[in-house]
Amino acid sequence: MYEHFFGLNKKPFELSPNPDFLFPGAAYKRALTYLNYAVKEKTGFVMLTGEVGSGKTTLIRDFISRLDRRVTVAKVFNTKVNFEQLIAMINEEFGLEATGKDKVELLRDLNVFLINQYAAKGHPIIIVDEPQSVYGDTGEGKRKGAGRIALENFRALATLRYSATHHKSDKANLVYRLDAIAAYEMQLVKQIEVDSLVTSASGTTPYVKLLQVTRGKGGAITARVEADVEQGNEIKRKATTVDTTSRSNLADVTGRDLYKDLTVVAINAADGQQSISLDTVAQPLRVSESIGAEVSIGERARQMIAQTIRQHLLKEQEFFFHGRDIKVLSLIFIDSVAKYREYGPDGEAFPGEYARAFEEEYARIASEPQFATLLGSPAESAAKKAHQGYFSVDRRKGGGEVLVDTKETTDKGRQQASLAYEQIMRDKVGLTTPGTPIRFIFTHSALQEGWDNPNVFQICVLRNMGQHHVLKAFRS
């Protein structure tokens, strides 16, 4: 379509970044200079970092295309693997046979290869995309993961690290940082618009939400609660500290007689059981729970999901009317698999709270007259096919698979996360092909390697960000 209309000799938009269409601005040239210097001077570990979508992968592809013939490159783009798999991937990238070999054989082959490269005045380099995933640690403290130790033992002449999600204490030799503003000014990313859901209180009912419980150095236990506090002639919803002694009655804390029947009688600081007890409330309030809320967290999440669906369909409609054959994807980030998928006692799967809300809102919005020509199938059946979840996978005995929350600091956690990554990459072409039913992706709130593509136009964040839930809509 684009080639014929604009008279181009190749497609300008691909699923993978294409350095042929790169405009080398000043910031880009500076980053490329740093990388070339690192290889020429054999400086060891080098990190390139930048915001999601700021062009890191495009820069690396261009960098590789410019390398001298004496430089041999091993590219690692799937870091959700264990140590032995990582060595095998690197060996295969260097052209070494890795099938059927154990760890000792793999390391011996790699060592011989590096010695031969040195003797021939060659320059082997390893490029790891999203390297923080392979280390086996978070970058905090002194403990090193097995992956980090293994990479250090390679004693590579130069190692380039580029990622959008390095921990602040794990910056190594930072040579360049491309932030979101610079990326936008260089036209590397879409225009960003942010929609926010803001709730305000009428102050006619006593509202209390538990934010956190803290145990002080002397053993004193306090709690931070959100309440409607009187300030001057206004009622403002804000956080305040309470205890079971001088700041126990909420009327005294808020300055409002409306709270006179609410007194803190107990605060539980035990891990996993943090809560406060109020004398006139039957059940303790746990962290993030509230009483008197005029808009519940569940209702806020539903409204944000509905807004994401509406903006998504409007974007599809815009492309349809202008004859643009572009697939639109929306990401919905959540903090727990249980919000998307629930399991019965025998392992049977059921839609979670957010999945149910999505299907109900999608069916309602898709049935509106303005979207009648956009969707062919009935709204109810289309709603069930329009979303998919990509989370870490736990393979159970008997061949069953269960979606799970996991941390990538253990071999099992990395293996589970790797299965989710494989799902994304296996389905990526279908997901980004116009006409395929899946339009909305539920996943955890981090852009992993599989989602760095131009088809994402909306991102809905359903996580507690401080005291607010945030909805972000990316629209070009």
Protein backbone atom coordinates (compact mmCIF):
# COMPACT_ATOMS: atom_id res chain seq x y z
CA MET A 1 0.00 0.00 0.00
CA TYR A 2 2.69 2.52 1.05
CA GLU A 3 5.03 1.60 -1.82
CA HIS A 4 2.39 2.24 -4.49
CA PHE A 5 0.94 5.40 -2.94
CA PHE A 6 4.23 7.14 -2.10
CA GLY A 7 6.35 5.64 -4.88
CA LEU A 8 8.69 3.81 -2.47
CA ASN A 9 10.89 0.85 -3.42
CA LYS A 10 10.46 -0.99 -0.09
CA LYS A 11 8.07 -1.12 2.86
CA PRO A 12 8.66 1.76 5.32
CA PHE A 13 7.08 -0.08 8.27
CA GLU A 14 8.24 -3.48 9.47
CA LEU A 15 7.71 -5.52 12.65
CA SER A 16 11.47 -5.31 13.30
CA PRO A 17 13.43 -2.01 13.41
CA ASN A 18 14.99 -1.23 10.04
CA PRO A 19 18.15 0.93 10.19
CA ASP A 20 17.76 1.75 6.47
CA PHE A 21 15.07 4.25 7.47
CA LEU A 22 17.06 5.77 10.31
CA PHE A 23 17.66 9.53 10.51
CA PRO A 24 21.00 9.97 12.32
CA GLY A 25 20.44 12.99 14.56
CA ALA A 26 23.11 14.50 16.81
CA ALA A 27 22.18 12.39 19.85
CA TYR A 28 22.18 9.22 17.77
CA LYS A 29 25.63 10.00 16.29
CA ARG A 30 26.99 10.59 19.79
CA ALA A 31 25.71 7.19 21.00
CA LEU A 32 27.16 5.46 17.93
CA THR A 33 30.53 7.13 18.56
CA TYR A 34 30.58 5.82 22.14
CA LEU A 35 29.86 2.27 20.97
CA ASN A 36 32.51 2.35 18.25
CA TYR A 37 35.05 3.68 20.76
CA ALA A 38 34.20 0.85 23.20
CA VAL A 39 34.92 -1.80 20.56
CA LYS A 40 38.06 -0.13 19.19
CA GLU A 41 39.60 0.45 22.63
CA LYS A 42 38.36 -2.87 24.09
CA THR A 43 36.90 -1.16 27.16
CA GLY A 44 34.98 -4.16 28.50
CA PHE A 45 31.40 -3.77 29.68
CA VAL A 46 29.44 -0.87 28.18
CA MET A 47 25.77 -0.06 28.71
CA LEU A 48 23.37 1.78 26.42
CA THR A 49 20.10 2.73 28.07
CA GLY A 50 16.97 4.60 27.02
CA GLU A 51 13.21 4.75 27.40
CA VAL A 52 10.96 2.15 25.79
CA GLY A 53 10.62 2.84 22.06
CA SER A 54 13.50 5.33 21.95
CA GLY A 55 15.39 3.46 19.24
CA LYS A 56 17.96 1.31 21.08
CA THR A 57 17.41 -1.78 18.95
CA THR A 58 17.49 0.27 15.74
CA LEU A 59 20.76 1.86 16.85
CA ILE A 60 22.31 -1.53 17.66
CA ARG A 61 21.27 -2.97 14.29
CA ASP A 62 22.86 -0.01 12.53
CA PHE A 63 25.95 -0.30 14.72
CA ILE A 64 26.36 -3.98 13.78
CA SER A 65 26.02 -3.20 10.07
CA ARG A 66 28.95 -0.76 10.30
CA LEU A 67 31.40 -3.04 12.13
CA ASP A 68 34.77 -3.99 10.69
CA ARG A 69 35.08 -7.47 9.16
CA ARG A 70 37.47 -8.46 11.94
CA VAL A 71 34.67 -8.05 14.50
CA THR A 72 32.63 -11.18 15.21
CA VAL A 73 29.28 -10.52 16.88
CA ALA A 74 27.16 -12.74 19.12
CA LYS A 75 23.66 -11.29 19.61
CA VAL A 76 21.52 -12.51 22.51
CA PHE A 77 17.91 -11.27 22.31
CA ASN A 78 16.18 -13.87 24.51
CA THR A 79 17.59 -13.62 28.03
CA LYS A 80 14.90 -15.70 29.75
CA VAL A 81 17.22 -18.74 29.81
CA ASN A 82 19.43 -20.54 32.29
CA PHE A 83 23.23 -20.44 32.34
CA GLU A 84 23.82 -23.47 30.10
CA GLN A 85 21.29 -22.27 27.54
CA LEU A 86 22.95 -18.83 27.50
CA ILE A 87 26.37 -20.35 26.75
CA ALA A 88 24.84 -22.49 23.99
CA MET A 89 23.15 -19.44 22.42
CA ILE A 90 26.42 -17.47 22.45
CA ASN A 91 28.37 -20.38 20.95
CA GLU A 92 25.81 -20.80 18.17
CA GLU A 93 26.00 -17.07 17.42
CA PHE A 94 29.79 -17.44 17.08
CA GLY A 95 29.25 -20.36 14.66
CA LEU A 96 30.16 -23.11 17.12
CA GLU A 97 28.27 -26.40 17.38
CA ALA A 98 26.27 -26.52 20.63
CA THR A 99 23.74 -29.34 20.19
CA GLY A 100 24.05 -32.16 22.73
CA LYS A 101 26.99 -30.62 24.60
CA ASP A 102 27.17 -30.15 28.36
CA LYS A 103 28.33 -27.05 30.20
CA VAL A 104 31.99 -28.09 30.36
CA GLU A 105 32.16 -28.78 26.63
CA LEU A 106 30.39 -25.52 25.79
CA LEU A 107 32.78 -23.47 27.92
CA ARG A 108 35.83 -25.28 26.52
CA ASP A 109 34.69 -24.62 22.93
CA LEU A 110 34.06 -20.96 23.71
CA ASN A 111 37.47 -20.58 25.39
CA VAL A 112 39.27 -22.12 22.39
CA PHE A 113 37.34 -19.84 20.04
CA LEU A 114 38.28 -16.71 22.00
CA ILE A 115 41.97 -17.72 22.12
CA ASN A 116 41.97 -18.28 18.35
CA GLN A 117 40.26 -14.92 17.81
CA TYR A 118 42.89 -13.18 19.89
CA ALA A 119 45.71 -14.88 17.98
CA ALA A 120 44.14 -13.80 14.67
CA LYS A 121 43.71 -10.22 15.95
CA GLY A 122 39.96 -10.67 15.81
CA HIS A 123 37.44 -8.77 17.93
CA PRO A 124 34.62 -10.97 19.30
CA ILE A 125 31.86 -9.01 21.03
CA ILE A 126 28.64 -10.08 22.74
CA ILE A 127 25.52 -7.90 22.51
CA VAL A 128 22.82 -8.72 25.09
CA ASP A 129 19.40 -7.08 24.73
CA GLU A 130 17.63 -6.53 28.09
CA PRO A 131 20.70 -7.86 29.97
CA GLN A 132 19.20 -7.35 33.43
CA SER A 133 16.99 -10.39 32.72
CA VAL A 134 19.94 -12.77 32.32
CA TYR A 135 21.91 -11.81 35.42
CA GLY A 136 19.83 -13.64 38.00
CA ASP A 137 19.89 -10.67 40.37
CA THR A 138 18.31 -7.23 40.59
CA GLY A 139 21.53 -5.21 40.53
CA GLU A 140 21.07 -4.18 44.17
CA GLY A 141 23.46 -5.09 46.98
CA LYS A 142 26.57 -7.25 46.79
CA ARG A 143 25.01 -10.58 45.83
CA LYS A 144 25.69 -11.55 42.21
CA GLY A 145 23.50 -13.90 40.24
CA ALA A 146 24.91 -16.87 38.34
CA GLY A 147 24.32 -15.17 34.99
CA ARG A 148 26.25 -12.04 35.98
CA ILE A 149 29.17 -14.13 37.28
CA ALA A 150 29.20 -16.20 34.09
CA LEU A 151 29.32 -13.12 31.87
CA GLU A 152 32.14 -11.62 33.93
CA ASN A 153 34.11 -14.88 33.65
CA PHE A 154 33.99 -14.60 29.85
CA ARG A 155 36.42 -11.65 30.14
CA ALA A 156 35.04 -10.36 26.84
CA LEU A 157 36.93 -7.58 25.09
CA ALA A 158 33.75 -5.52 24.93
CA THR A 159 30.23 -6.16 26.12
CA LEU A 160 27.45 -3.73 25.20
CA ARG A 161 24.41 -3.53 27.49
CA TYR A 162 21.34 -1.71 26.24
CA SER A 163 18.01 -1.66 28.00
CA ALA A 164 15.18 0.57 29.21
CA THR A 165 14.86 -1.08 32.61
CA HIS A 166 18.25 -1.19 34.33
CA HIS A 167 18.12 -0.70 38.09
CA LYS A 168 19.42 2.70 39.19
CA SER A 169 22.30 1.09 41.10
CA ASP A 170 23.32 -1.13 38.17
CA LYS A 171 24.54 1.38 35.59
CA ALA A 172 28.07 0.02 34.93
CA ASN A 173 29.94 2.34 32.52
CA LEU A 174 27.02 4.39 31.25
CA VAL A 175 28.00 5.92 27.92
CA TYR A 176 24.69 7.23 26.64
CA ARG A 177 21.11 7.69 27.73
CA LEU A 178 18.28 8.44 25.31
CA ASP A 179 15.31 9.67 27.33
CA ALA A 180 11.68 9.97 26.28
CA ILE A 181 11.84 13.70 25.46
CA ALA A 182 14.90 13.33 23.24
CA ALA A 183 13.31 10.32 21.51
CA TYR A 184 10.17 12.33 20.78
CA GLU A 185 12.16 15.30 19.48
CA MET A 186 14.03 12.92 17.16
CA GLN A 187 10.65 11.55 15.98
CA LEU A 188 11.59 8.03 17.13
CA VAL A 189 8.35 7.53 19.08
CA LYS A 190 4.67 8.41 18.78
CA GLN A 191 3.11 11.46 20.33
CA ILE A 192 2.06 10.62 23.87
CA GLU A 193 -1.25 11.68 25.38
CA VAL A 194 -2.23 10.76 28.94
CA ASP A 195 -5.78 10.25 30.18
CA SER A 196 -6.26 10.24 33.95
CA LEU A 197 -9.13 9.08 36.10
CA VAL A 198 -9.53 11.52 39.00
CA THR A 199 -12.05 11.03 41.79
CA SER A 200 -13.11 13.75 44.20
CA ALA A 201 -14.99 13.45 47.45
CA SER A 202 -18.22 15.15 48.46
CA GLY A 203 -17.23 14.65 52.10
CA THR A 204 -20.71 13.62 53.21
CA THR A 205 -19.66 10.12 54.37
CA PRO A 206 -16.56 9.20 56.41
CA TYR A 207 -13.97 7.80 54.01
CA VAL A 208 -10.89 5.92 55.27
CA LYS A 209 -8.33 3.93 53.28
CA LEU A 210 -5.32 2.15 54.78
CA LEU A 211 -2.12 2.98 52.86
CA GLN A 212 0.60 1.37 54.98
CA VAL A 213 1.65 0.25 58.46
CA THR A 214 5.07 1.17 59.88
CA ARG A 215 7.05 -0.09 62.87
CA GLY A 216 9.42 2.61 64.16
CA LYS A 217 12.93 2.13 65.57
CA GLY A 218 11.61 2.18 69.14
CA GLY A 219 8.93 -0.38 68.33
CA ALA A 220 6.10 2.16 68.02
CA ILE A 221 3.54 1.16 65.37
CA THR A 222 1.76 3.76 63.26
CA ALA A 223 -0.41 3.67 60.17
CA ARG A 224 -0.85 5.97 57.18
CA VAL A 225 -4.47 6.36 56.15
CA GLU A 226 -6.19 8.40 53.47
CA ALA A 227 -9.14 10.48 54.68
CA ASP A 228 -11.12 13.64 53.88
CA VAL A 229 -9.36 16.34 55.89
CA GLU A 230 -10.63 19.86 56.51
CA GLN A 231 -8.18 22.55 55.41
CA GLY A 232 -9.44 26.12 55.61
CA ASN A 233 -12.78 26.15 53.84
CA GLU A 234 -12.03 23.05 51.75
CA ILE A 235 -12.29 19.31 52.21
CA LYS A 236 -9.24 17.56 50.74
CA ARG A 237 -8.54 13.85 50.45
CA LYS A 238 -5.01 13.35 51.79
CA ALA A 239 -2.77 10.94 53.68
CA THR A 240 -2.31 11.31 57.43
CA THR A 241 -0.71 9.33 60.27
CA VAL A 242 -2.71 7.60 63.03
CA ASP A 243 -1.84 5.46 66.06
CA THR A 244 -3.64 3.95 69.04
CA THR A 245 -2.78 6.75 71.49
CA SER A 246 -2.79 10.50 70.83
CA ARG A 247 -3.85 10.21 67.18
CA SER A 248 -6.41 7.44 67.47
CA ASN A 249 -9.70 9.32 67.00
CA LEU A 250 -10.12 10.29 63.36
CA ALA A 251 -12.19 13.37 64.21
CA ASP A 252 -9.13 14.85 65.92
CA VAL A 253 -6.87 13.85 63.03
CA THR A 254 -9.10 15.21 60.25
CA GLY A 255 -10.63 18.16 62.10
CA ARG A 256 -14.10 16.94 61.15
CA ASP A 257 -16.90 15.89 63.49
CA LEU A 258 -18.05 13.43 60.78
CA TYR A 259 -15.29 11.03 61.95
CA LYS A 260 -16.05 11.16 65.70
CA ASP A 261 -17.30 7.55 65.80
CA LEU A 262 -14.15 6.14 64.19
CA THR A 263 -11.30 5.41 66.60
CA VAL A 264 -8.24 3.24 65.89
CA VAL A 265 -8.16 0.52 68.55
CA ALA A 266 -5.49 -1.81 67.08
CA ILE A 267 -2.77 -1.81 64.41
CA ASN A 268 -1.32 -5.08 63.10
CA ALA A 269 2.21 -4.75 61.64
CA ALA A 270 2.86 -8.45 60.93
CA ASP A 271 4.14 -9.16 57.41
CA GLY A 272 1.28 -10.08 55.10
CA GLN A 273 -1.31 -9.21 57.76
CA GLN A 274 -0.93 -5.44 58.05
CA SER A 275 -4.24 -3.86 59.06
CA ILE A 276 -5.99 -1.42 61.38
CA SER A 277 -9.09 -2.03 63.49
CA LEU A 278 -11.69 0.71 64.04
CA ASP A 279 -14.05 0.50 67.01
CA THR A 280 -17.29 0.81 64.99
CA VAL A 281 -16.23 -1.23 61.93
CA ALA A 282 -16.78 -4.98 62.04
CA GLN A 283 -13.75 -6.10 59.97
CA PRO A 284 -10.15 -4.79 60.07
CA LEU A 285 -9.01 -2.69 57.11
CA ARG A 286 -6.09 -4.23 55.23
CA VAL A 287 -3.65 -2.26 53.06
CA SER A 288 -5.43 -0.71 50.02
CA GLU A 289 -8.87 -1.47 51.50
CA SER A 290 -11.26 1.38 52.29
CA ILE A 291 -14.63 2.24 53.77
CA GLY A 292 -16.93 4.99 52.57
CA ALA A 293 -15.28 5.18 49.13
CA GLU A 294 -17.64 6.82 46.66
CA VAL A 295 -15.83 5.16 43.75
CA SER A 296 -14.36 1.74 44.56
CA ILE A 297 -11.05 0.50 43.17
CA GLY A 298 -12.92 -2.12 41.15
CA GLU A 299 -15.20 0.51 39.60
CA ARG A 300 -12.23 2.76 38.80
CA ALA A 301 -10.51 -0.14 37.05
CA ARG A 302 -13.68 -0.88 35.07
CA GLN A 303 -13.96 2.75 33.94
CA MET A 304 -10.33 2.76 32.83
CA ILE A 305 -10.76 -0.49 30.91
CA ALA A 306 -13.84 0.98 29.22
CA GLN A 307 -11.93 4.13 28.23
CA THR A 308 -9.09 2.03 26.79
CA ILE A 309 -11.56 -0.02 24.74
CA ARG A 310 -13.28 3.09 23.40
CA GLN A 311 -10.01 4.78 22.41
CA HIS A 312 -8.83 1.55 20.80
CA LEU A 313 -11.95 1.17 18.66
CA LEU A 314 -11.80 4.83 17.67
CA LYS A 315 -8.22 4.31 16.47
CA GLU A 316 -9.28 1.23 14.49
CA GLN A 317 -12.16 3.21 13.02
CA GLU A 318 -9.82 6.03 11.99
CA PHE A 319 -7.52 3.62 10.15
CA PHE A 320 -10.49 1.86 8.54
CA PHE A 321 -11.95 5.08 7.14
CA HIS A 322 -8.58 6.17 5.74
CA GLY A 323 -7.85 2.78 4.20
CA ARG A 324 -4.83 2.09 6.39
CA ASP A 325 -4.25 -1.63 6.85
CA ILE A 326 -2.65 -1.31 10.31
CA LYS A 327 -3.35 -3.60 13.26
CA VAL A 328 -4.03 -1.77 16.54
CA LEU A 329 -2.93 -3.34 19.84
CA SER A 330 -3.66 -2.20 23.39
CA LEU A 331 -1.75 -3.35 26.47
CA ILE A 332 -3.41 -3.60 29.88
CA PHE A 333 -0.86 -3.90 32.69
CA ILE A 334 -2.02 -5.51 35.94
CA ASP A 335 -0.24 -6.46 39.16
CA SER A 336 -1.61 -9.97 39.67
CA VAL A 337 -2.47 -12.92 37.43
CA ALA A 338 -5.53 -13.59 39.62
CA LYS A 339 -7.09 -10.36 38.33
CA TYR A 340 -7.09 -11.92 34.85
CA ARG A 341 -7.30 -15.69 35.40
CA GLU A 342 -8.68 -17.71 38.31
CA TYR A 343 -8.39 -21.45 38.86
CA GLY A 344 -10.77 -23.90 40.52
CA PRO A 345 -9.79 -26.75 42.86
CA ASP A 346 -9.25 -29.11 39.91
CA GLY A 347 -7.25 -26.60 37.88
CA GLU A 348 -10.14 -25.42 35.70
CA ALA A 349 -9.67 -21.85 34.45
CA PHE A 350 -12.14 -18.97 34.89
CA PRO A 351 -11.96 -15.29 33.88
CA GLY A 352 -10.68 -13.07 36.69
CA GLU A 353 -12.19 -9.77 37.84
CA TYR A 354 -10.56 -7.63 35.14
CA ALA A 355 -11.22 -10.16 32.37
CA ARG A 356 -14.91 -10.23 33.27
CA ALA A 357 -15.06 -6.44 33.37
CA PHE A 358 -13.31 -6.26 30.00
CA GLU A 359 -15.72 -8.63 28.26
CA GLU A 360 -18.76 -6.83 29.67
CA GLU A 361 -17.46 -3.37 28.72
CA TYR A 362 -16.25 -4.50 25.30
CA ALA A 363 -19.64 -6.01 24.46
CA ARG A 364 -21.39 -2.84 25.60
CA ILE A 365 -19.15 -0.38 23.74
CA ALA A 366 -18.79 -2.47 20.58
CA SER A 367 -22.61 -2.57 20.31
CA GLU A 368 -22.81 1.22 19.96
CA PRO A 369 -24.00 2.38 16.50
CA GLN A 370 -20.75 4.22 15.69
CA PHE A 371 -18.82 0.92 15.70
CA ALA A 372 -21.44 -1.09 13.75
CA THR A 373 -19.36 -1.24 10.53
CA LEU A 374 -16.10 -2.02 12.32
CA LEU A 375 -16.83 -5.43 13.89
CA GLY A 376 -18.46 -8.23 11.95
CA SER A 377 -19.26 -10.80 14.66
CA PRO A 378 -21.72 -10.26 17.55
CA ALA A 379 -20.23 -8.12 20.31
CA GLU A 380 -20.54 -10.81 23.02
CA SER A 381 -18.57 -13.46 21.11
CA ALA A 382 -16.06 -10.90 19.80
CA ALA A 383 -15.36 -9.77 23.37
CA LYS A 384 -14.15 -13.23 24.43
CA LYS A 385 -11.80 -13.50 21.42
CA ALA A 386 -10.49 -9.92 21.61
CA HIS A 387 -8.16 -10.37 24.62
CA GLN A 388 -5.31 -12.65 25.68
CA GLY A 389 -3.07 -12.86 28.72
CA TYR A 390 0.72 -13.21 28.61
CA PHE A 391 2.20 -14.12 31.98
CA SER A 392 4.79 -16.50 33.36
CA VAL A 393 3.71 -20.12 32.85
CA ASP A 394 4.03 -22.98 35.33
CA ARG A 395 3.91 -26.34 33.55
CA ARG A 396 2.30 -28.87 35.87
CA LYS A 397 2.50 -32.63 35.82
CA GLY A 398 0.21 -34.11 33.20
CA GLY A 399 0.96 -31.37 30.69
CA GLY A 400 -1.27 -28.66 32.14
CA GLU A 401 -0.20 -25.02 32.16
CA VAL A 402 -1.13 -22.44 34.80
CA LEU A 403 -0.45 -18.70 34.63
CA VAL A 404 1.51 -17.54 37.67
CA ASP A 405 3.12 -14.48 39.25
CA THR A 406 6.86 -14.99 39.45
CA LYS A 407 10.18 -13.25 40.09
CA GLU A 408 13.04 -13.74 37.64
CA THR A 409 15.72 -14.08 40.31
CA THR A 410 15.62 -17.91 40.36
CA ASP A 411 16.12 -20.56 37.65
CA LYS A 412 12.48 -21.65 37.97
CA GLY A 413 11.25 -18.06 37.77
CA ARG A 414 13.32 -17.37 34.66
CA GLN A 415 12.09 -20.59 33.07
CA GLN A 416 8.47 -19.65 33.76
CA ALA A 417 9.00 -16.15 32.36
CA SER A 418 10.72 -17.64 29.31
CA LEU A 419 7.55 -19.56 28.42
CA ALA A 420 5.58 -16.30 28.42
CA TYR A 421 8.23 -14.67 26.23
CA GLU A 422 8.07 -17.61 23.80
CA GLN A 423 4.30 -17.18 23.63
CA ILE A 424 4.62 -13.54 22.71
CA MET A 425 7.25 -14.12 20.04
CA ARG A 426 5.46 -17.17 18.64
CA ASP A 427 2.22 -15.22 18.25
CA LYS A 428 3.79 -11.86 17.36
CA VAL A 429 3.13 -12.01 13.62
CA GLY A 430 -0.48 -13.03 14.16
CA LEU A 431 -0.98 -10.39 16.82
CA THR A 432 0.25 -7.63 14.54
CA THR A 433 -1.56 -8.84 11.40
CA PRO A 434 -4.75 -6.91 10.52
CA GLY A 435 -7.89 -9.02 10.76
CA THR A 436 -6.76 -11.32 13.57
CA PRO A 437 -9.16 -11.22 16.56
CA ILE A 438 -6.79 -10.51 19.49
CA ARG A 439 -6.62 -6.76 20.07
CA PHE A 440 -6.02 -6.40 23.83
CA ILE A 441 -3.16 -7.93 25.80
CA PHE A 442 -3.19 -8.36 29.60
CA THR A 443 0.28 -8.67 31.12
CA HIS A 444 2.46 -7.49 34.00
CA SER A 445 3.43 -3.83 34.16
CA ALA A 446 6.77 -3.96 32.38
CA LEU A 447 7.41 -3.75 28.67
CA GLN A 448 9.30 -6.95 27.97
CA GLU A 449 11.25 -7.62 24.79
CA GLY A 450 8.27 -8.89 22.82
CA TRP A 451 6.29 -5.64 22.96
CA ASP A 452 8.74 -3.15 21.48
CA ASN A 453 6.77 -2.67 18.25
CA PRO A 454 4.84 0.17 16.56
CA ASN A 455 1.41 -1.50 16.70
CA VAL A 456 0.84 -0.59 20.36
CA PHE A 457 -1.33 2.54 20.54
CA GLN A 458 -2.87 2.32 24.04
CA ILE A 459 -1.35 1.34 27.37
CA CYS A 460 -3.69 1.02 30.35
CA VAL A 461 -1.96 0.72 33.73
CA LEU A 462 -4.15 -0.89 36.38
CA ARG A 463 -1.68 -0.74 39.23
CA ASN A 464 -1.72 1.26 42.41
CA MET A 465 0.76 4.04 41.58
CA GLY A 466 1.07 5.70 44.98
CA GLN A 467 -2.50 6.82 45.70
CA HIS A 468 -3.77 6.78 42.11
CA HIS A 469 -4.57 4.45 39.27
CA VAL A 470 -3.28 5.73 35.95
CA LEU A 471 -4.46 5.22 32.40
CA LYS A 472 -2.04 6.08 29.62
CA ALA A 473 -3.12 6.18 26.00
CA PHE A 474 -0.48 6.28 23.29
CA ARG A 475 -2.00 7.88 20.21
CA SER A 476 -0.18 8.96 17.09
